[in-house]
C-alpha atoms as a PDB file:
ATOM      1  CA  MET A   1      42.639 108.261 125.024  1.00  0.00           C
ATOM      2  CA  ALA A   2      44.410 105.644 127.157  1.00  0.00           C
ATOM      3  CA  ARG A   3      43.150 107.281 130.354  1.00  0.00           C
ATOM      4  CA  ASP A   4      39.517 107.199 129.176  1.00  0.00           C
ATOM      5  CA  PRO A   5      37.686 104.318 130.936  1.00  0.00           C
ATOM      6  CA  SER A   6      35.393 104.026 127.925  1.00  0.00           C
ATOM      7  CA  PRO A   7      36.835 101.967 125.049  1.00  0.00           C
ATOM      8  CA  VAL A   8      34.817 103.854 122.412  1.00  0.00           C
ATOM      9  CA  ALA A   9      37.560 106.241 121.253  1.00  0.00           C
ATOM     10  CA  ARG A  10      40.181 103.478 121.232  1.00  0.00           C
ATOM     11  CA  GLN A  11      37.927 101.207 119.204  1.00  0.00           C
ATOM     12  CA  LYS A  12      37.288 103.995 116.696  1.00  0.00           C
ATOM     13  CA  ALA A  13      41.038 104.502 116.342  1.00  0.00           C
ATOM     14  CA  ARG A  14      41.421 100.741 115.803  1.00  0.00           C
ATOM     15  CA  ASP A  15      38.652 100.710 113.199  1.00  0.00           C
ATOM     16  CA  ASP A  16      40.175 103.708 111.399  1.00  0.00           C
ATOM     17  CA  SER A  17      43.618 102.091 111.271  1.00  0.00           C
ATOM     18  CA  ASP A  18      42.149  98.792 110.032  1.00  0.00           C
ATOM     19  CA  LEU A  19      40.249 100.650 107.318  1.00  0.00           C
ATOM     20  CA  ALA A  20      43.361 102.571 106.255  1.00  0.00           C
ATOM     21  CA  TRP A  21      45.292  99.290 106.079  1.00  0.00           C
ATOM     22  CA  ALA A  22      42.594  97.692 103.914  1.00  0.00           C
ATOM     23  CA  ARG A  23      42.428 100.708 101.596  1.00  0.00           C
ATOM     24  CA  THR A  24      46.167 100.697 100.950  1.00  0.00           C
ATOM     25  CA  ARG A  25      46.422  97.045  99.949  1.00  0.00           C
ATOM     26  CA  PRO A  26      48.882  97.020  97.034  1.00  0.00           C
ATOM     27  CA  PRO A  27      47.846  95.769  93.586  1.00  0.00           C
ATOM     28  CA  VAL A  28      48.656  92.161  92.774  1.00  0.00           C
ATOM     29  CA  GLY A  29      52.289  91.847  91.727  1.00  0.00           C
ATOM     30  CA  ARG A  30      53.435  95.070  93.388  1.00  0.00           C
ATOM     31  CA  ARG A  31      55.978  94.289  96.083  1.00  0.00           C
ATOM     32  CA  LYS A  32      57.152  97.647  97.437  1.00  0.00           C
ATOM     33  CA  PRO A  33      54.691  99.133  99.980  1.00  0.00           C
ATOM     34  CA  SER A  34      53.463 102.673  99.460  1.00  0.00           C
ATOM     35  CA  LYS A  35      54.025 105.441 102.001  1.00  0.00           C
ATOM     36  CA  ASP A  36      50.308 105.342 102.826  1.00  0.00           C
ATOM     37  CA  ARG A  37      50.549 101.646 103.606  1.00  0.00           C
ATOM     38  CA  GLN A  38      53.610 102.183 105.783  1.00  0.00           C
ATOM     39  CA  ALA A  39      51.738 104.950 107.607  1.00  0.00           C
ATOM     40  CA  ALA A  40      48.726 102.657 108.088  1.00  0.00           C
ATOM     41  CA  ALA A  41      50.977  99.994 109.633  1.00  0.00           C
ATOM     42  CA  THR A  42      52.622 102.411 112.069  1.00  0.00           C
ATOM     43  CA  ASP A  43      49.219 103.927 112.932  1.00  0.00           C
ATOM     44  CA  SER A  44      48.077 100.419 113.799  1.00  0.00           C
ATOM     45  CA  ALA A  45      51.118 100.026 116.045  1.00  0.00           C
ATOM     46  CA  THR A  46      50.273 103.296 117.782  1.00  0.00           C
ATOM     47  CA  VAL A  47      46.769 101.988 118.484  1.00  0.00           C
ATOM     48  CA  ASP A  48      48.340  98.860 120.003  1.00  0.00           C
ATOM     49  CA  VAL A  49      50.442 101.072 122.271  1.00  0.00           C
ATOM     50  CA  VAL A  50      47.395 103.075 123.397  1.00  0.00           C
ATOM     51  CA  ASP A  51      45.454  99.865 124.116  1.00  0.00           C
ATOM     52  CA  TRP A  52      48.377  98.560 126.182  1.00  0.00           C
ATOM     53  CA  LEU A  53      48.609 101.842 128.080  1.00  0.00           C
ATOM     54  CA  SER A  54      44.895 101.705 128.928  1.00  0.00           C
ATOM     55  CA  GLU A  55      45.702  98.578 130.957  1.00  0.00           C
ATOM     56  CA  ASN A  56      48.917 100.002 132.467  1.00  0.00           C
ATOM     57  CA  PRO A  57      48.028 103.366 134.040  1.00  0.00           C
ATOM     58  CA  ASP A  58      51.307 103.623 135.965  1.00  0.00           C
ATOM     59  CA  THR A  59      53.190 103.899 132.672  1.00  0.00           C
ATOM     60  CA  ILE A  60      50.797 106.635 131.534  1.00  0.00           C
ATOM     61  CA  ASP A  61      51.803 108.688 134.570  1.00  0.00           C
ATOM     62  CA  ARG A  62      55.509 108.244 133.778  1.00  0.00           C
ATOM     63  CA  ILE A  63      54.942 109.200 130.140  1.00  0.00           C
ATOM     64  CA  GLN A  64      53.133 112.332 131.289  1.00  0.00           C
ATOM     65  CA  GLU A  65      56.009 113.133 133.635  1.00  0.00           C
ATOM     66  CA  ILE A  66      58.625 112.875 130.875  1.00  0.00           C
ATOM     67  CA  GLY A  67      56.404 114.799 128.464  1.00  0.00           C
ATOM     68  CA  ASP A  68      56.082 117.573 131.021  1.00  0.00           C
ATOM     69  CA  VAL A  69      59.884 117.722 131.334  1.00  0.00           C
ATOM     70  CA  LEU A  70      60.280 118.196 127.577  1.00  0.00           C
ATOM     71  CA  ALA A  71      57.459 120.714 127.273  1.00  0.00           C
ATOM     72  CA  GLY A  72      58.510 122.618 130.410  1.00  0.00           C
ATOM     73  CA  PRO A  73      62.140 122.881 131.620  1.00  0.00           C
ATOM     74  CA  VAL A  74      63.740 121.769 128.337  1.00  0.00           C
ATOM     75  CA  ILE A  75      61.824 124.233 126.156  1.00  0.00           C
ATOM     76  CA  LYS A  76      62.384 126.960 128.755  1.00  0.00           C
ATOM     77  CA  GLU A  77      66.158 126.473 128.654  1.00  0.00           C
ATOM     78  CA  ILE A  78      66.239 126.370 124.844  1.00  0.00           C
ATOM     79  CA  ASP A  79      64.164 129.554 124.630  1.00  0.00           C
ATOM     80  CA  LYS A  80      66.488 131.281 127.088  1.00  0.00           C
ATOM     81  CA  ARG A  81      69.723 130.282 125.334  1.00  0.00           C
ATOM     82  CA  PHE A  82      68.704 130.043 121.680  1.00  0.00           C
ATOM     83  CA  GLY A  83      65.312 131.729 121.340  1.00  0.00           C
ATOM     84  CA  GLY A  84      66.481 135.316 121.037  1.00  0.00           C
ATOM     85  CA  SER A  85      63.652 137.634 120.041  1.00  0.00           C
ATOM     86  CA  LYS A  86      61.872 134.867 118.086  1.00  0.00           C
ATOM     87  CA  PRO A  87      61.647 131.739 120.268  1.00  0.00           C
ATOM     88  CA  ARG A  88      59.008 130.264 117.963  1.00  0.00           C
ATOM     89  CA  ASP A  89      61.581 130.051 115.165  1.00  0.00           C
ATOM     90  CA  SER A  90      63.937 128.130 117.420  1.00  0.00           C
ATOM     91  CA  ARG A  91      61.169 125.793 118.526  1.00  0.00           C
ATOM     92  CA  ARG A  92      60.082 125.203 114.923  1.00  0.00           C
ATOM     93  CA  GLN A  93      63.459 123.612 114.173  1.00  0.00           C
ATOM     94  CA  LEU A  94      62.693 120.974 116.782  1.00  0.00           C
ATOM     95  CA  THR A  95      59.435 119.825 115.190  1.00  0.00           C
ATOM     96  CA  ASN A  96      61.367 117.825 112.573  1.00  0.00           C
ATOM     97  CA  HIS A  97      61.603 114.571 114.564  1.00  0.00           C
ATOM     98  CA  PHE A  98      63.932 116.034 117.233  1.00  0.00           C
ATOM     99  CA  TRP A  99      61.928 115.050 120.320  1.00  0.00           C
ATOM    100  CA  CYS A 100      61.428 111.454 119.194  1.00  0.00           C
ATOM    101  CA  ASP A 101      65.154 111.370 118.324  1.00  0.00           C
ATOM    102  CA  LEU A 102      65.911 112.447 121.876  1.00  0.00           C
ATOM    103  CA  LEU A 103      63.616 109.841 123.450  1.00  0.00           C
ATOM    104  CA  VAL A 104      64.837 106.832 121.486  1.00  0.00           C
ATOM    105  CA  ALA A 105      68.463 107.880 122.026  1.00  0.00           C
ATOM    106  CA  VAL A 106      67.840 108.094 125.790  1.00  0.00           C
ATOM    107  CA  ALA A 107      66.276 104.610 125.759  1.00  0.00           C
ATOM    108  CA  GLU A 108      69.302 103.257 123.889  1.00  0.00           C
ATOM    109  CA  ALA A 109      71.753 105.041 126.172  1.00  0.00           C
ATOM    110  CA  ILE A 110      70.118 103.685 129.324  1.00  0.00           C
ATOM    111  CA  GLU A 111      70.781 100.182 128.077  1.00  0.00           C
ATOM    112  CA  LYS A 112      74.396 100.900 127.101  1.00  0.00           C
ATOM    113  CA  PHE A 113      75.404 102.986 130.105  1.00  0.00           C
ATOM    114  CA  SER A 114      73.307 101.723 132.991  1.00  0.00           C
ATOM    115  CA  LYS A 115      76.548 101.496 135.025  1.00  0.00           C
ATOM    116  CA  ALA A 116      77.967 104.805 133.836  1.00  0.00           C
ATOM    117  CA  MET A 117      75.064 107.236 134.072  1.00  0.00           C
ATOM    118  CA  ASP A 118      77.155 110.386 133.957  1.00  0.00           C
ATOM    119  CA  ARG A 119      78.226 109.598 130.364  1.00  0.00           C
ATOM    120  CA  ILE A 120      74.676 109.340 129.037  1.00  0.00           C
ATOM    121  CA  PRO A 121      74.043 113.014 128.087  1.00  0.00           C
ATOM    122  CA  GLU A 122      77.220 113.141 125.985  1.00  0.00           C
ATOM    123  CA  TYR A 123      76.345 109.836 124.318  1.00  0.00           C
ATOM    124  CA  VAL A 124      72.729 110.888 123.633  1.00  0.00           C
ATOM    125  CA  THR A 125      73.884 114.144 122.043  1.00  0.00           C
ATOM    126  CA  THR A 126      76.257 112.247 119.738  1.00  0.00           C
ATOM    127  CA  VAL A 127      73.605 109.688 118.772  1.00  0.00           C
ATOM    128  CA  ILE A 128      71.078 112.410 117.908  1.00  0.00           C
ATOM    129  CA  LEU A 129      73.529 114.354 115.753  1.00  0.00           C
ATOM    130  CA  GLN A 130      74.704 111.214 113.930  1.00  0.00           C
ATOM    131  CA  SER A 131      71.169 109.939 113.406  1.00  0.00           C
ATOM    132  CA  ARG A 132      69.940 113.247 111.989  1.00  0.00           C
ATOM    133  CA  LYS A 133      72.930 113.437 109.633  1.00  0.00           C
ATOM    134  CA  ALA A 134      72.395 109.859 108.444  1.00  0.00           C
ATOM    135  CA  GLU A 135      68.705 110.475 107.765  1.00  0.00           C
ATOM    136  CA  GLY A 136      69.285 113.830 106.055  1.00  0.00           C
ATOM    137  CA  ARG A 137      67.333 115.866 108.601  1.00  0.00           C
ATOM    138  CA  SER A 138      67.866 119.531 109.396  1.00  0.00           C
ATOM    139  CA  VAL A 139      71.187 120.334 111.072  1.00  0.00           C
ATOM    140  CA  LEU A 140      70.943 121.465 114.688  1.00  0.00           C
ATOM    141  CA  LEU A 141      73.621 123.211 116.749  1.00  0.00           C
ATOM    142  CA  GLU A 142      75.464 120.727 118.932  1.00  0.00           C
ATOM    143  CA  ALA A 143      75.179 123.169 121.834  1.00  0.00           C
ATOM    144  CA  LEU A 144      71.373 123.303 121.450  1.00  0.00           C
ATOM    145  CA  VAL A 145      71.087 119.510 121.322  1.00  0.00           C
ATOM    146  CA  GLY A 146      73.422 119.144 124.297  1.00  0.00           C
ATOM    147  CA  LEU A 147      71.429 121.644 126.354  1.00  0.00           C
ATOM    148  CA  ALA A 148      68.136 119.892 125.606  1.00  0.00           C
ATOM    149  CA  VAL A 149      69.613 116.508 126.472  1.00  0.00           C
ATOM    150  CA  ARG A 150      71.214 117.629 129.749  1.00  0.00           C
ATOM    151  CA  THR A 151      68.066 119.428 130.878  1.00  0.00           C
ATOM    152  CA  ALA A 152      65.887 116.420 130.060  1.00  0.00           C
ATOM    153  CA  TRP A 153      68.270 113.846 131.487  1.00  0.00           C
ATOM    154  CA  GLU A 154      68.416 114.943 135.128  1.00  0.00           C
ATOM    155  CA  PRO A 155      64.694 114.413 135.897  1.00  0.00           C
ATOM    156  CA  ILE A 156      64.596 111.295 133.701  1.00  0.00           C
ATOM    157  CA  LYS A 157      67.593 109.853 135.569  1.00  0.00           C
ATOM    158  CA  SER A 158      65.811 110.297 138.881  1.00  0.00           C
ATOM    159  CA  MET A 159      62.973 108.093 137.608  1.00  0.00           C
ATOM    160  CA  ILE A 160      65.328 105.121 137.285  1.00  0.00           C
ATOM    161  CA  HIS A 161      65.330 104.704 141.070  1.00  0.00           C
ATOM    162  CA  THR A 162      61.533 104.650 141.278  1.00  0.00           C
ATOM    163  CA  ALA A 163      60.562 102.918 138.033  1.00  0.00           C
ATOM    164  CA  GLY A 164      63.601 100.841 137.139  1.00  0.00           C
ATOM    165  CA  ILE A 165      65.722 100.832 133.985  1.00  0.00           C
ATOM    166  CA  GLU A 166      63.517  98.586 131.842  1.00  0.00           C
ATOM    167  CA  GLU A 167      60.336 100.497 132.631  1.00  0.00           C
ATOM    168  CA  LEU A 168      62.017 103.835 131.909  1.00  0.00           C
ATOM    169  CA  GLN A 169      63.272 102.527 128.557  1.00  0.00           C
ATOM    170  CA  ARG A 170      59.772 101.334 127.709  1.00  0.00           C
ATOM    171  CA  THR A 171      58.338 104.713 128.681  1.00  0.00           C
ATOM    172  CA  CYS A 172      60.749 106.627 126.421  1.00  0.00           C
ATOM    173  CA  ARG A 173      60.072 104.254 123.527  1.00  0.00           C
ATOM    174  CA  ILE A 174      56.301 104.526 123.873  1.00  0.00           C
ATOM    175  CA  LEU A 175      56.397 108.318 124.086  1.00  0.00           C
ATOM    176  CA  ALA A 176      58.656 108.448 121.016  1.00  0.00           C
ATOM    177  CA  VAL A 177      56.101 106.417 119.030  1.00  0.00           C
ATOM    178  CA  LEU A 178      53.198 108.538 120.268  1.00  0.00           C
ATOM    179  CA  ILE A 179      54.748 111.919 119.479  1.00  0.00           C
ATOM    180  CA  CYS A 180      56.603 111.010 116.272  1.00  0.00           C
ATOM    181  CA  PRO A 181      54.839 112.782 113.379  1.00  0.00           C
ATOM    182  CA  ALA A 182      55.656 109.975 110.926  1.00  0.00           C
ATOM    183  CA  PRO A 183      57.278 106.786 112.303  1.00  0.00           C
ATOM    184  CA  GLU A 184      57.225 105.309 108.804  1.00  0.00           C
ATOM    185  CA  ASP A 185      59.766 107.995 107.799  1.00  0.00           C
ATOM    186  CA  HIS A 186      61.881 107.909 110.960  1.00  0.00           C
ATOM    187  CA  LYS A 187      64.387 105.058 111.033  1.00  0.00           C
ATOM    188  CA  ALA A 188      65.537 105.776 114.583  1.00  0.00           C
ATOM    189  CA  VAL A 189      61.979 105.328 115.871  1.00  0.00           C
ATOM    190  CA  GLN A 190      61.535 102.178 113.782  1.00  0.00           C
ATOM    191  CA  ASP A 191      64.741 100.602 115.080  1.00  0.00           C
ATOM    192  CA  SER A 192      64.892 101.862 118.672  1.00  0.00           C
ATOM    193  CA  ALA A 193      61.196 102.110 119.591  1.00  0.00           C
ATOM    194  CA  LEU A 194      58.914 100.046 117.332  1.00  0.00           C
ATOM    195  CA  LEU A 195      61.309  97.098 117.057  1.00  0.00           C
ATOM    196  CA  PRO A 196      61.863  96.553 120.813  1.00  0.00           C
ATOM    197  CA  LEU A 197      58.159  97.169 121.545  1.00  0.00           C
ATOM    198  CA  ALA A 198      57.258  94.548 118.932  1.00  0.00           C
ATOM    199  CA  GLU A 199      59.789  92.104 120.383  1.00  0.00           C
ATOM    200  CA  GLU A 200      58.258  92.716 123.783  1.00  0.00           C
ATOM    201  CA  GLY A 201      54.879  91.681 122.388  1.00  0.00           C
ATOM    202  CA  MET A 202      53.232  95.053 122.912  1.00  0.00           C
ATOM    203  CA  LEU A 203      52.531  95.454 119.186  1.00  0.00           C
ATOM    204  CA  GLU A 204      51.208  91.936 118.728  1.00  0.00           C
ATOM    205  CA  THR A 205      48.207  92.939 116.616  1.00  0.00           C
ATOM    206  CA  SER A 206      50.255  95.071 114.238  1.00  0.00           C
ATOM    207  CA  ARG A 207      53.436  92.996 114.048  1.00  0.00           C
ATOM    208  CA  GLU A 208      52.431  91.277 110.809  1.00  0.00           C
ATOM    209  CA  ARG A 209      51.619  94.616 109.190  1.00  0.00           C
ATOM    210  CA  LEU A 210      54.965  96.098 110.201  1.00  0.00           C
ATOM    211  CA  GLU A 211      56.725  93.067 108.762  1.00  0.00           C
ATOM    212  CA  GLN A 212      54.999  93.730 105.439  1.00  0.00           C
ATOM    213  CA  VAL A 213      56.079  97.361 105.127  1.00  0.00           C
ATOM    214  CA  PHE A 214      59.514  97.555 106.767  1.00  0.00           C
ATOM    215  CA  PRO A 215      62.802  96.407 105.188  1.00  0.00           C
ATOM    216  CA  ALA A 216      63.887  92.771 105.303  1.00  0.00           C
ATOM    217  CA  ASP A 217      66.709  93.577 107.748  1.00  0.00           C
ATOM    218  CA  TRP A 218      64.205  95.050 110.219  1.00  0.00           C
ATOM    219  CA  VAL A 219      62.001  91.973 109.929  1.00  0.00           C
ATOM    220  CA  ARG A 220      65.009  89.681 110.395  1.00  0.00           C
ATOM    221  CA  ARG A 221      66.032  91.463 113.587  1.00  0.00           C
ATOM    222  CA  LEU A 222      62.457  91.315 114.886  1.00  0.00           C
ATOM    223  CA  ARG A 223      62.243  87.572 114.306  1.00  0.00           C
ATOM    224  CA  GLU A 224      65.670  87.018 115.856  1.00  0.00           C
ATOM    225  CA  GLY A 225      64.564  89.007 118.902  1.00  0.00           C
ATOM    226  CA  LEU A 226      61.379  86.969 119.183  1.00  0.00           C
ATOM    227  CA  GLY A 227      63.443  83.793 118.888  1.00  0.00           C
ATOM    228  CA  GLU A 228      65.648  84.903 121.759  1.00  0.00           C
ATOM    229  CA  ALA A 229      62.570  85.671 123.835  1.00  0.00           C
END
């Protein structure tokens, strides 16, 4: 959609997200947002990301490159080591927010270990396992997570020299938002992808909606980040 020179599909996505937001307006006096309203807010943020990408084609190419790494070499290695006679079963385990977990953890690790790159795969593996445990998601073998991370990290690391650390972080965060099946249910994506993208101003149109549906602590951190900017 971002590659399409015509804005028609993007505008339709914008109109659909605006309509969903309007339809989920809570009754007067009700303070807690519904899941549908949270989903409408994060859908709006996704539309913001796609609009931004349509004006930044270089980032689209990097997103495609990282996506190809996950869908190619990483899946191939997992199938070889853990697929057995039923690789589809092994892959199915990874549809429960694993790939977006991996991307946001990589973005976080780049920031923390930009001067110690060799430690990043170990750190990313630990972050993924801890995050999944904290959010009550399906348990994955540490060896499987470690293999996926190491296989993904080598080509991603090489992009740092061509794209730079900040751009690579942004790329991982955007791809995490785009592929996450339900950002409104995925705290790691909210905190490590949507929050920094909102602070960066990329989600300007949807920022107010996100503030209405996410917890007060998330909103506080967003406003503090904007204040620092």
